[in-house]
Every structure is written in C-alpha cells, then in structure tokens.
C-alpha cells in the first residue's frame, strides 16, 4: 500500500472480456462512506500504464473491477500530467 491511498482496484479500458487491466491507486477519505449508486470525484494514479495516449481523453469511460467483478464505472473529467521522475 502506498501512503495516502487505501483502495487499489483494477481498471479495465476494454470491454467486459478484456484481460489487460491496470492497477489504479485511489485515495478515499476515511470520513466518507461510499455506497452503490453514489457518484464522486477522485484523483486516480495508474501504475504500468499500458494504454496508448489516444485511448486517454476527457469523457472516456472505463470499468473499475475487483478481479472480474464490476464494482464501478469511471469517466475521465481531467487529465493531469505526470510529475517529472514519477
């Protein structure tokens, strides 16, 4: 676990059958519960990014999964450039 992050689900930018997943580090505030159907904004840091840049654009949706189980859908609202050396 990386300090400040407490949830590391798989992110699937393909369809439900896609096996090329990437881990995303997501910090959830300890004072906020999230329930099915809730919508919230969060900054996600992706590890070992395997997707070409044309796949990454504002408005793009993707699956957030625990193994093969869908737990949420994400939508890109903004793209933050990585810090040098990150």
Protein backbone atom coordinates (compact mmCIF):
# COMPACT_ATOMS: atom_id res chain seq x y z
CA UNK A 1 0.00 0.00 0.00
CA UNK A 2 1.27 3.48 -0.84
CA UNK A 3 0.84 6.10 1.89
CA UNK A 4 -2.32 8.15 1.36
CA UNK A 5 -4.02 5.55 -0.83
CA UNK A 6 -6.32 2.92 0.55
CA UNK A 7 -8.01 1.34 -2.46
CA UNK A 8 -6.24 -0.27 -5.42
CA UNK A 9 -8.81 -1.79 -7.80
CA UNK A 10 -8.21 -2.96 -11.37
CA UNK A 11 -9.12 -0.60 -14.18
CA UNK A 12 -10.33 -2.02 -17.48
CA UNK A 13 -10.30 0.27 -20.53
CA UNK A 14 -11.50 -2.53 -22.82
CA UNK A 15 -14.81 -4.35 -22.71
CA UNK A 16 -16.03 -6.87 -20.11
CA UNK A 17 -13.95 -9.63 -21.73
CA UNK A 18 -10.71 -7.58 -21.68
CA UNK A 19 -7.92 -9.17 -19.63
CA UNK A 20 -5.47 -6.26 -19.93
CA UNK A 21 -6.05 -4.50 -16.60
CA UNK A 22 -4.07 -1.76 -14.90
CA UNK A 23 -3.95 -1.04 -11.17
CA UNK A 24 -5.10 2.42 -10.10
CA UNK A 25 -4.28 3.94 -6.73
CA UNK A 26 -7.28 5.74 -5.27
CA UNK A 27 -7.45 7.65 -2.00
CA UNK A 28 -10.81 7.51 -0.25
CA UNK A 29 -11.43 9.86 2.64
CA UNK A 30 -11.80 7.87 5.88
CA UNK A 31 -14.73 10.07 6.93
CA UNK A 32 -16.79 9.36 3.79
CA UNK A 33 -18.71 6.19 3.11
CA UNK A 34 -19.46 5.30 -0.50
CA UNK A 35 -22.49 3.20 -1.35
CA UNK A 36 -23.71 1.55 -4.58
CA UNK A 37 -25.10 4.21 -6.89
CA UNK A 38 -23.05 7.04 -5.34
CA UNK A 39 -21.13 9.35 -7.64
CA UNK A 40 -17.96 11.14 -6.54
CA UNK A 41 -14.81 12.69 -7.98
CA UNK A 42 -11.38 11.29 -7.17
CA UNK A 43 -7.83 11.51 -8.45
CA UNK A 44 -6.52 8.13 -9.58
CA UNK A 45 -2.86 7.32 -10.18
CA UNK A 46 -2.36 4.47 -12.67
CA UNK A 47 0.60 2.07 -12.48
CA UNK A 48 2.30 0.47 -15.51
CA UNK A 49 0.12 2.33 -17.96
CA UNK A 50 -0.32 0.01 -20.99
CA UNK A 51 -2.78 2.11 -23.00
CA UNK A 52 -1.82 4.40 -25.90
CA UNK A 53 -2.50 8.10 -25.45
CA UNK A 54 -5.35 8.20 -27.96
CA UNK A 55 -7.30 5.98 -25.56
CA UNK A 56 -6.99 8.59 -22.84
CA UNK A 57 -9.29 11.55 -23.32
CA UNK A 58 -11.72 13.61 -21.33
CA UNK A 59 -15.12 11.91 -21.35
CA UNK A 60 -13.70 8.38 -21.77
CA UNK A 61 -15.45 5.77 -19.60
CA UNK A 62 -13.96 2.57 -18.18
CA UNK A 63 -14.71 -0.32 -15.83
CA UNK A 64 -13.38 -0.42 -12.27
CA UNK A 65 -13.13 -4.04 -11.15
CA UNK A 66 -12.25 -6.36 -8.29
CA UNK A 67 -10.87 -9.27 -10.26
CA UNK A 68 -13.51 -9.91 -12.93
CA UNK A 69 -16.33 -8.26 -10.95
CA UNK A 70 -17.50 -4.79 -11.94
CA UNK A 71 -17.59 -2.51 -8.87
CA UNK A 72 -17.90 0.90 -10.56
CA UNK A 73 -17.67 2.82 -13.79
CA UNK A 74 -15.28 5.73 -14.19
CA UNK A 75 -15.29 8.71 -16.52
CA UNK A 76 -12.27 10.93 -17.18
CA UNK A 77 -13.02 14.52 -16.18
CA UNK A 78 -9.49 15.90 -16.48
CA UNK A 79 -6.01 14.65 -17.29
CA UNK A 80 -3.15 15.63 -15.02
CA UNK A 81 0.32 15.30 -16.50
CA UNK A 82 2.69 13.07 -14.52
CA UNK A 83 5.35 14.79 -12.44
CA UNK A 84 8.89 14.54 -13.83
CA UNK A 85 10.57 11.47 -12.34
CA UNK A 86 7.23 9.88 -11.41
